[in-house]
Each structure stands twice: as structure tokens, then as C-alpha cells.
Amino acid sequence: MTAADAASASPARLSLVPNLDLQAAEPLRAELMALRGRPLTIDAAEVNRLGGLCLQVLMSARKIWSEDGHPLTVDQPSSAFSEQLAGFGGPELNSHLEGATS
């Protein structure tokens, strides 16, 4: 493993913007893909609104990280994030995305 490989495999952290609406989906996707290939913690503490398209982006990232063999967890989800996530799919989806850190 080279130093560049080690750096790319170091854990990353991504703080979500407060309003995860339609306009936030593409920037979120781009940020996530730039962090691919390393463990990722997503900070959802500031989220006030979780829209369906951003939820799809997050679920897709969860699948990609799993397939790549890296953990992806959500840390400190705001109550709005948790409530809106549950509204989309109930506790099953909620626990799937939030992982062990919620």
C-alpha cells in the first residue's frame, strides 16, 4: 500500500447542509463520490429538511459503500432528519441508513 492509498483509505467526515432539497441532491452526490473508497461518517446534526431525492442519494451511497467494503454511518442525526427519514420508510429504513451511531 502506498502513502496515497493509505490517505485515501483514511476515514472521512461529511457534514450535511440543513436543507436537503432537490437543489442539494447533485452537490451531495458529487461530494459523496469524491469520498468514495474510504470509511465515511455523515454528520446530520444540522439537517432541517430531508427531501426524497437526497434520501435516494444517501441510500445509493450506503449501497456503494457496502459493496466497496467500507462503513458508512450517520452521526448525530437531528430530530428532523430522523423524523423525516422515518416518514419515508418507517423504522426499518431508518435503522438501515442511520446505522449504529444514531
Protein backbone atom coordinates (compact mmCIF):
# COMPACT_ATOMS: atom_id res chain seq x y z
CA MET A 1 0.00 0.00 0.00
CA THR A 2 1.37 3.41 -0.95
CA ALA A 3 1.08 6.57 1.13
CA ALA A 4 -1.56 7.82 -1.32
CA ASP A 5 -3.55 4.60 -0.84
CA ALA A 6 -3.34 4.96 2.94
CA ALA A 7 -4.51 8.57 2.78
CA SER A 8 -7.42 7.69 0.52
CA ALA A 9 -8.48 4.91 2.91
CA SER A 10 -8.45 7.16 5.99
CA PRO A 11 -11.88 7.89 7.45
CA ALA A 12 -13.76 10.87 6.07
CA ARG A 13 -16.50 13.05 7.53
CA LEU A 14 -19.20 14.89 5.59
CA SER A 15 -21.50 17.45 7.21
CA LEU A 16 -24.90 17.64 5.55
CA VAL A 17 -26.45 21.01 4.71
CA PRO A 18 -29.61 21.98 6.62
CA ASN A 19 -31.94 21.85 3.60
CA LEU A 20 -31.56 18.60 1.65
CA ASP A 21 -33.97 19.51 -1.13
CA LEU A 22 -33.93 18.96 -4.89
CA GLN A 23 -31.17 21.56 -5.40
CA ALA A 24 -28.93 19.86 -2.84
CA ALA A 25 -29.08 16.42 -4.48
CA GLU A 26 -26.41 16.84 -7.18
CA PRO A 27 -23.88 18.62 -4.93
CA LEU A 28 -24.47 15.89 -2.30
CA ARG A 29 -23.89 13.16 -4.89
CA ALA A 30 -20.68 14.84 -6.07
CA GLU A 31 -19.37 15.25 -2.51
CA LEU A 32 -20.11 11.63 -1.70
CA MET A 33 -18.45 10.29 -4.85
CA ALA A 34 -15.34 12.37 -4.10
CA LEU A 35 -15.10 10.48 -0.78
CA ARG A 36 -15.66 7.02 -2.24
CA GLY A 37 -13.19 4.32 -1.29
CA ARG A 38 -12.85 5.21 2.38
CA PRO A 39 -14.89 4.86 5.56
CA LEU A 40 -17.37 7.72 5.86
CA THR A 41 -19.26 9.32 8.71
CA ILE A 42 -22.09 11.64 7.71
CA ASP A 43 -22.93 14.38 10.21
CA ALA A 44 -26.68 15.01 10.03
CA ALA A 45 -26.89 17.28 13.09
CA GLU A 46 -27.89 20.39 11.13
CA VAL A 47 -30.50 18.83 8.81
CA ASN A 48 -33.90 20.56 8.94
CA ARG A 49 -35.37 19.05 5.77
CA LEU A 50 -34.74 15.71 4.07
CA GLY A 51 -36.19 15.53 0.57
CA GLY A 52 -36.84 12.35 -1.37
CA LEU A 53 -34.12 12.85 -3.96
CA CYS A 54 -31.43 13.44 -1.33
CA LEU A 55 -32.69 10.38 0.51
CA GLN A 56 -32.19 8.39 -2.70
CA VAL A 57 -28.65 9.77 -2.99
CA LEU A 58 -27.91 8.74 0.61
CA MET A 59 -29.38 5.27 0.13
CA SER A 60 -27.38 4.80 -3.07
CA ALA A 61 -24.21 5.86 -1.26
CA ARG A 62 -24.99 3.40 1.53
CA LYS A 63 -25.20 0.60 -1.07
CA ILE A 64 -21.99 1.69 -2.84
CA TRP A 65 -20.05 1.89 0.43
CA SER A 66 -21.31 -1.55 1.43
CA GLU A 67 -20.31 -3.03 -1.93
CA ASP A 68 -16.88 -1.39 -1.62
CA GLY A 69 -16.45 -2.91 1.85
CA HIS A 70 -16.32 0.40 3.71
CA PRO A 71 -18.55 1.58 6.56
CA LEU A 72 -20.91 4.50 6.08
CA THR A 73 -22.62 5.79 9.20
CA VAL A 74 -24.78 8.75 10.11
CA ASP A 75 -23.68 10.57 13.23
CA GLN A 76 -25.81 12.80 15.43
CA PRO A 77 -28.92 12.85 13.24
CA SER A 78 -31.12 15.84 14.01
CA SER A 79 -34.65 15.08 15.16
CA ALA A 80 -35.91 16.48 11.84
CA PHE A 81 -33.62 14.11 9.90
CA SER A 82 -34.76 11.10 11.94
CA GLU A 83 -38.45 12.01 11.79
CA GLN A 84 -38.43 12.67 8.04
CA LEU A 85 -36.40 9.53 7.37
CA ALA A 86 -38.93 7.52 9.37
CA GLY A 87 -41.73 9.20 7.41
CA PHE A 88 -40.27 7.90 4.16
CA GLY A 89 -39.97 4.31 5.24
CA GLY A 90 -40.52 3.70 8.89
CA PRO A 91 -38.08 2.33 11.44
CA GLU A 92 -36.68 -0.36 9.12
CA LEU A 93 -35.34 2.20 6.64
CA ASN A 94 -34.35 4.50 9.48
CA SER A 95 -32.11 1.91 11.13
CA HIS A 96 -30.70 0.84 7.75
CA LEU A 97 -29.37 4.31 6.95
CA GLU A 98 -28.55 5.57 10.41
CA GLY A 99 -26.51 2.56 11.46
CA ALA A 100 -25.20 2.08 14.96
CA THR A 101 -24.41 5.70 15.76
CA SER A 102 -27.93 7.07 15.99
